Amino acid sequence: MSFAKKALLKIQSEIAFYKGLAKDTEGASGIEYAIVAAMVALVIAGLSAGIGTDITNLFTRISTALQ
């Protein structure tokens, strides 16, 4: 087989590989999970300040009642 024919087959093989790679959607679910995890983290961060205050008030009332 000549060098030109081998080079042509190699190029065709590479093109087929990259076309298949472009059609691959396996990574989409990983990205979706990352977005959901980020949203959950934002909600938890947003609620933590309010919950922290409520817990502090609860323990303060308990401490006052025990004295």
PDB file of N, CA and C in Angstrom:
ATOM      1  N   MET A   1       0.859  -1.169   0.000  1.00  0.00           N
ATOM      2  CA  MET A   1       0.000   0.000   0.000  1.00  0.00           C
ATOM      3  C   MET A   1       0.905   1.231   0.000  1.00  0.00           C
ATOM      4  N   SER A   2       0.564   2.186  -0.826  1.00  0.00           N
ATOM      5  CA  SER A   2       1.401   3.375  -0.950  1.00  0.00           C
ATOM      6  C   SER A   2       1.193   4.309   0.245  1.00  0.00           C
ATOM      7  N   PHE A   3       2.147   5.210   0.396  1.00  0.00           N
ATOM      8  CA  PHE A   3       2.078   6.179   1.497  1.00  0.00           C
ATOM      9  C   PHE A   3       0.833   7.049   1.373  1.00  0.00           C
ATOM     10  N   ALA A   4       0.513   7.492   0.178  1.00  0.00           N
ATOM     11  CA  ALA A   4      -0.653   8.352  -0.037  1.00  0.00           C
ATOM     12  C   ALA A   4      -1.942   7.624   0.346  1.00  0.00           C
ATOM     13  N   LYS A   5      -2.040   6.350   0.008  1.00  0.00           N
ATOM     14  CA  LYS A   5      -3.241   5.575   0.334  1.00  0.00           C
ATOM     15  C   LYS A   5      -3.353   5.391   1.847  1.00  0.00           C
ATOM     16  N   LYS A   6      -2.213   5.114   2.522  1.00  0.00           N
ATOM     17  CA  LYS A   6      -2.218   4.970   3.978  1.00  0.00           C
ATOM     18  C   LYS A   6      -2.612   6.281   4.656  1.00  0.00           C
ATOM     19  N   ALA A   7      -2.077   7.372   4.141  1.00  0.00           N
ATOM     20  CA  ALA A   7      -2.402   8.681   4.708  1.00  0.00           C
ATOM     21  C   ALA A   7      -3.887   8.990   4.529  1.00  0.00           C
ATOM     22  N   LEU A   8      -4.420   8.684   3.350  1.00  0.00           N
ATOM     23  CA  LEU A   8      -5.836   8.917   3.080  1.00  0.00           C
ATOM     24  C   LEU A   8      -6.716   8.091   4.021  1.00  0.00           C
ATOM     25  N   LEU A   9      -6.376   6.826   4.230  1.00  0.00           N
ATOM     26  CA  LEU A   9      -7.144   5.978   5.146  1.00  0.00           C
ATOM     27  C   LEU A   9      -7.070   6.505   6.579  1.00  0.00           C
ATOM     28  N   LYS A  10      -5.899   6.987   6.973  1.00  0.00           N
ATOM     29  CA  LYS A  10      -5.728   7.532   8.326  1.00  0.00           C
ATOM     30  C   LYS A  10      -6.598   8.771   8.512  1.00  0.00           C
ATOM     31  N   ILE A  11      -6.596   9.645   7.508  1.00  0.00           N
ATOM     32  CA  ILE A  11      -7.418  10.861   7.573  1.00  0.00           C
ATOM     33  C   ILE A  11      -8.900  10.500   7.620  1.00  0.00           C
ATOM     34  N   GLN A  12      -9.326   9.549   6.806  1.00  0.00           N
ATOM     35  CA  GLN A  12     -10.725   9.127   6.810  1.00  0.00           C
ATOM     36  C   GLN A  12     -11.108   8.531   8.166  1.00  0.00           C
ATOM     37  N   SER A  13     -10.188   7.780   8.750  1.00  0.00           N
ATOM     38  CA  SER A  13     -10.436   7.195  10.062  1.00  0.00           C
ATOM     39  C   SER A  13     -10.590   8.281  11.130  1.00  0.00           C
ATOM     40  N   GLU A  14      -9.716   9.278  11.067  1.00  0.00           N
ATOM     41  CA  GLU A  14      -9.790  10.386  12.027  1.00  0.00           C
ATOM     42  C   GLU A  14     -11.092  11.170  11.871  1.00  0.00           C
ATOM     43  N   ILE A  15     -11.497  11.409  10.635  1.00  0.00           N
ATOM     44  CA  ILE A  15     -12.745  12.138  10.389  1.00  0.00           C
ATOM     45  C   ILE A  15     -13.930  11.356  10.949  1.00  0.00           C
ATOM     46  N   ALA A  16     -13.951  10.062  10.716  1.00  0.00           N
ATOM     47  CA  ALA A  16     -15.036   9.223  11.243  1.00  0.00           C
ATOM     48  C   ALA A  16     -15.053   9.252  12.770  1.00  0.00           C
ATOM     49  N   PHE A  17     -13.869   9.222  13.382  1.00  0.00           N
ATOM     50  CA  PHE A  17     -13.784   9.262  14.845  1.00  0.00           C
ATOM     51  C   PHE A  17     -14.377  10.558  15.389  1.00  0.00           C
ATOM     52  N   TYR A  18     -13.986  11.698  14.795  1.00  0.00           N
ATOM     53  CA  TYR A  18     -14.471  12.989  15.295  1.00  0.00           C
ATOM     54  C   TYR A  18     -15.945  13.206  15.005  1.00  0.00           C
ATOM     55  N   LYS A  19     -16.446  12.654  13.913  1.00  0.00           N
ATOM     56  CA  LYS A  19     -17.889  12.726  13.653  1.00  0.00           C
ATOM     57  C   LYS A  19     -18.662  11.949  14.725  1.00  0.00           C
ATOM     58  N   GLY A  20     -18.152  10.769  15.064  1.00  0.00           N
ATOM     59  CA  GLY A  20     -18.787   9.982  16.120  1.00  0.00           C
ATOM     60  C   GLY A  20     -18.705  10.666  17.470  1.00  0.00           C
ATOM     61  N   LEU A  21     -17.591  11.326  17.728  1.00  0.00           N
ATOM     62  CA  LEU A  21     -17.410  12.041  18.983  1.00  0.00           C
ATOM     63  C   LEU A  21     -18.383  13.211  19.090  1.00  0.00           C
ATOM     64  N   ALA A  22     -18.624  13.882  17.985  1.00  0.00           N
ATOM     65  CA  ALA A  22     -19.552  15.011  17.969  1.00  0.00           C
ATOM     66  C   ALA A  22     -20.984  14.556  18.248  1.00  0.00           C
ATOM     67  N   LYS A  23     -21.327  13.324  17.840  1.00  0.00           N
ATOM     68  CA  LYS A  23     -22.677  12.809  18.059  1.00  0.00           C
ATOM     69  C   LYS A  23     -22.868  12.228  19.452  1.00  0.00           C
ATOM     70  N   ASP A  24     -21.784  12.035  20.185  1.00  0.00           N
ATOM     71  CA  ASP A  24     -21.841  11.421  21.507  1.00  0.00           C
ATOM     72  C   ASP A  24     -22.524  12.354  22.496  1.00  0.00           C
ATOM     73  N   THR A  25     -23.559  11.871  23.192  1.00  0.00           N
ATOM     74  CA  THR A  25     -24.294  12.692  24.150  1.00  0.00           C
ATOM     75  C   THR A  25     -24.174  12.160  25.574  1.00  0.00           C
ATOM     76  N   GLU A  26     -23.228  11.299  25.846  1.00  0.00           N
ATOM     77  CA  GLU A  26     -23.078  10.723  27.177  1.00  0.00           C
ATOM     78  C   GLU A  26     -22.780  11.788  28.233  1.00  0.00           C
ATOM     79  N   GLY A  27     -22.027  12.809  27.875  1.00  0.00           N
ATOM     80  CA  GLY A  27     -21.647  13.846  28.836  1.00  0.00           C
ATOM     81  C   GLY A  27     -22.788  14.759  29.228  1.00  0.00           C
ATOM     82  N   ALA A  28     -23.854  14.762  28.460  1.00  0.00           N
ATOM     83  CA  ALA A  28     -24.971  15.665  28.744  1.00  0.00           C
ATOM     84  C   ALA A  28     -25.591  15.359  30.098  1.00  0.00           C
ATOM     85  N   SER A  29     -25.723  14.117  30.455  1.00  0.00           N
ATOM     86  CA  SER A  29     -26.347  13.794  31.739  1.00  0.00           C
ATOM     87  C   SER A  29     -25.450  14.229  32.893  1.00  0.00           C
ATOM     88  N   GLY A  30     -24.150  14.142  32.726  1.00  0.00           N
ATOM     89  CA  GLY A  30     -23.234  14.606  33.766  1.00  0.00           C
ATOM     90  C   GLY A  30     -23.356  16.101  33.991  1.00  0.00           C
ATOM     91  N   ILE A  31     -23.499  16.850  32.905  1.00  0.00           N
ATOM     92  CA  ILE A  31     -23.671  18.296  33.014  1.00  0.00           C
ATOM     93  C   ILE A  31     -24.993  18.622  33.697  1.00  0.00           C
ATOM     94  N   GLU A  32     -26.022  17.891  33.360  1.00  0.00           N
ATOM     95  CA  GLU A  32     -27.328  18.121  33.980  1.00  0.00           C
ATOM     96  C   GLU A  32     -27.274  17.855  35.482  1.00  0.00           C
ATOM     97  N   TYR A  33     -26.593  16.775  35.890  1.00  0.00           N
ATOM     98  CA  TYR A  33     -26.449  16.496  37.315  1.00  0.00           C
ATOM     99  C   TYR A  33     -25.677  17.605  38.014  1.00  0.00           C
ATOM    100  N   ALA A  34     -24.667  18.147  37.371  1.00  0.00           N
ATOM    101  CA  ALA A  34     -23.879  19.232  37.967  1.00  0.00           C
ATOM    102  C   ALA A  34     -24.737  20.483  38.153  1.00  0.00           C
ATOM    103  N   ILE A  35     -25.595  20.773  37.187  1.00  0.00           N
ATOM    104  CA  ILE A  35     -26.482  21.935  37.304  1.00  0.00           C
ATOM    105  C   ILE A  35     -27.474  21.745  38.445  1.00  0.00           C
ATOM    106  N   VAL A  36     -28.049  20.564  38.564  1.00  0.00           N
ATOM    107  CA  VAL A  36     -28.991  20.285  39.655  1.00  0.00           C
ATOM    108  C   VAL A  36     -28.283  20.386  41.005  1.00  0.00           C
ATOM    109  N   ALA A  37     -27.078  19.840  41.103  1.00  0.00           N
ATOM    110  CA  ALA A  37     -26.330  19.915  42.357  1.00  0.00           C
ATOM    111  C   ALA A  37     -26.017  21.359  42.721  1.00  0.00           C
ATOM    112  N   ALA A  38     -25.678  22.175  41.744  1.00  0.00           N
ATOM    113  CA  ALA A  38     -25.412  23.590  42.004  1.00  0.00           C
ATOM    114  C   ALA A  38     -26.670  24.309  42.495  1.00  0.00           C
ATOM    115  N   MET A  39     -27.818  23.975  41.904  1.00  0.00           N
ATOM    116  CA  MET A  39     -29.072  24.602  42.335  1.00  0.00           C
ATOM    117  C   MET A  39     -29.412  24.214  43.769  1.00  0.00           C
ATOM    118  N   VAL A  40     -29.222  22.940  44.101  1.00  0.00           N
ATOM    119  CA  VAL A  40     -29.483  22.481  45.466  1.00  0.00           C
ATOM    120  C   VAL A  40     -28.550  23.187  46.446  1.00  0.00           C
ATOM    121  N   ALA A  41     -27.285  23.338  46.068  1.00  0.00           N
ATOM    122  CA  ALA A  41     -26.325  24.023  46.939  1.00  0.00           C
ATOM    123  C   ALA A  41     -26.731  25.480  47.162  1.00  0.00           C
ATOM    124  N   LEU A  42     -27.232  26.138  46.124  1.00  0.00           N
ATOM    125  CA  LEU A  42     -27.676  27.526  46.282  1.00  0.00           C
ATOM    126  C   LEU A  42     -28.879  27.633  47.213  1.00  0.00           C
ATOM    127  N   VAL A  43     -29.809  26.700  47.088  1.00  0.00           N
ATOM    128  CA  VAL A  43     -30.986  26.711  47.973  1.00  0.00           C
ATOM    129  C   VAL A  43     -30.566  26.479  49.417  1.00  0.00           C
ATOM    130  N   ILE A  44     -29.682  25.515  49.635  1.00  0.00           N
ATOM    131  CA  ILE A  44     -29.208  25.239  50.999  1.00  0.00           C
ATOM    132  C   ILE A  44     -28.477  26.447  51.564  1.00  0.00           C
ATOM    133  N   ALA A  45     -27.636  27.081  50.757  1.00  0.00           N
ATOM    134  CA  ALA A  45     -26.911  28.264  51.216  1.00  0.00           C
ATOM    135  C   ALA A  45     -27.874  29.399  51.542  1.00  0.00           C
ATOM    136  N   GLY A  46     -28.905  29.541  50.737  1.00  0.00           N
ATOM    137  CA  GLY A  46     -29.886  30.601  50.988  1.00  0.00           C
ATOM    138  C   GLY A  46     -30.709  30.368  52.241  1.00  0.00           C
ATOM    139  N   LEU A  47     -31.025  29.116  52.519  1.00  0.00           N
ATOM    140  CA  LEU A  47     -31.842  28.807  53.691  1.00  0.00           C
ATOM    141  C   LEU A  47     -31.032  28.705  54.972  1.00  0.00           C
ATOM    142  N   SER A  48     -29.748  28.495  54.867  1.00  0.00           N
ATOM    143  CA  SER A  48     -28.939  28.255  56.065  1.00  0.00           C
ATOM    144  C   SER A  48     -28.893  29.459  56.995  1.00  0.00           C
ATOM    145  N   ALA A  49     -28.907  30.664  56.442  1.00  0.00           N
ATOM    146  CA  ALA A  49     -28.880  31.860  57.291  1.00  0.00           C
ATOM    147  C   ALA A  49     -30.160  31.940  58.124  1.00  0.00           C
ATOM    148  N   GLY A  50     -31.305  31.720  57.518  1.00  0.00           N
ATOM    149  CA  GLY A  50     -32.572  31.767  58.241  1.00  0.00           C
ATOM    150  C   GLY A  50     -32.700  30.655  59.266  1.00  0.00           C
ATOM    151  N   ILE A  51     -32.283  29.467  58.922  1.00  0.00           N
ATOM    152  CA  ILE A  51     -32.355  28.326  59.837  1.00  0.00           C
ATOM    153  C   ILE A  51     -31.397  28.521  60.997  1.00  0.00           C
ATOM    154  N   GLY A  52     -30.201  29.062  60.711  1.00  0.00           N
ATOM    155  CA  GLY A  52     -29.214  29.310  61.769  1.00  0.00           C
ATOM    156  C   GLY A  52     -29.756  30.266  62.826  1.00  0.00           C
ATOM    157  N   THR A  53     -30.443  31.302  62.380  1.00  0.00           N
ATOM    158  CA  THR A  53     -31.041  32.273  63.311  1.00  0.00           C
ATOM    159  C   THR A  53     -32.130  31.616  64.147  1.00  0.00           C
ATOM    160  N   ASP A  54     -32.961  30.811  63.515  1.00  0.00           N
ATOM    161  CA  ASP A  54     -34.028  30.125  64.244  1.00  0.00           C
ATOM    162  C   ASP A  54     -33.465  29.169  65.297  1.00  0.00           C
ATOM    163  N   ILE A  55     -32.418  28.451  64.960  1.00  0.00           N
ATOM    164  CA  ILE A  55     -31.808  27.514  65.913  1.00  0.00           C
ATOM    165  C   ILE A  55     -31.173  28.269  67.080  1.00  0.00           C
ATOM    166  N   THR A  56     -30.513  29.385  66.777  1.00  0.00           N
ATOM    167  CA  THR A  56     -29.917  30.207  67.842  1.00  0.00           C
ATOM    168  C   THR A  56     -30.999  30.710  68.792  1.00  0.00           C
ATOM    169  N   ASN A  57     -32.107  31.179  68.250  1.00  0.00           N
ATOM    170  CA  ASN A  57     -33.221  31.651  69.096  1.00  0.00           C
ATOM    171  C   ASN A  57     -33.791  30.522  69.941  1.00  0.00           C
ATOM    172  N   LEU A  58     -33.897  29.324  69.366  1.00  0.00           N
ATOM    173  CA  LEU A  58     -34.419  28.174  70.096  1.00  0.00           C
ATOM    174  C   LEU A  58     -33.531  27.840  71.289  1.00  0.00           C
ATOM    175  N   PHE A  59     -32.216  27.760  71.062  1.00  0.00           N
ATOM    176  CA  PHE A  59     -31.304  27.444  72.167  1.00  0.00           C
ATOM    177  C   PHE A  59     -31.249  28.564  73.202  1.00  0.00           C
ATOM    178  N   THR A  60     -31.409  29.796  72.771  1.00  0.00           N
ATOM    179  CA  THR A  60     -31.440  30.905  73.721  1.00  0.00           C
ATOM    180  C   THR A  60     -32.672  30.793  74.615  1.00  0.00           C
ATOM    181  N   ARG A  61     -33.811  30.459  74.053  1.00  0.00           N
ATOM    182  CA  ARG A  61     -35.024  30.282  74.862  1.00  0.00           C
ATOM    183  C   ARG A  61     -34.888  29.114  75.817  1.00  0.00           C
ATOM    184  N   ILE A  62     -34.288  28.015  75.357  1.00  0.00           N
ATOM    185  CA  ILE A  62     -34.075  26.850  76.216  1.00  0.00           C
ATOM    186  C   ILE A  62     -33.135  27.219  77.359  1.00  0.00           C
ATOM    187  N   SER A  63     -32.063  27.916  77.034  1.00  0.00           N
ATOM    188  CA  SER A  63     -31.097  28.336  78.063  1.00  0.00           C
ATOM    189  C   SER A  63     -31.748  29.255  79.095  1.00  0.00           C
ATOM    190  N   THR A  64     -32.562  30.177  78.616  1.00  0.00           N
ATOM    191  CA  THR A  64     -33.255  31.102  79.522  1.00  0.00           C
ATOM    192  C   THR A  64     -34.236  30.338  80.410  1.00  0.00           C
ATOM    193  N   ALA A  65     -34.954  29.398  79.862  1.00  0.00           N
ATOM    194  CA  ALA A  65     -35.927  28.621  80.638  1.00  0.00           C
ATOM    195  C   ALA A  65     -35.248  27.752  81.684  1.00  0.00           C
ATOM    196  N   LEU A  66     -34.031  27.273  81.412  1.00  0.00           N
ATOM    197  CA  LEU A  66     -33.341  26.409  82.362  1.00  0.00           C
ATOM    198  C   LEU A  66     -32.681  27.189  83.498  1.00  0.00           C
ATOM    199  N   GLN A  67     -32.531  28.476  83.346  1.00  0.00           N
ATOM    200  CA  GLN A  67     -31.859  29.261  84.405  1.00  0.00           C
ATOM    201  C   GLN A  67     -32.770  29.630  85.514  1.00  0.00           C
TER     202      GLN A  67
END
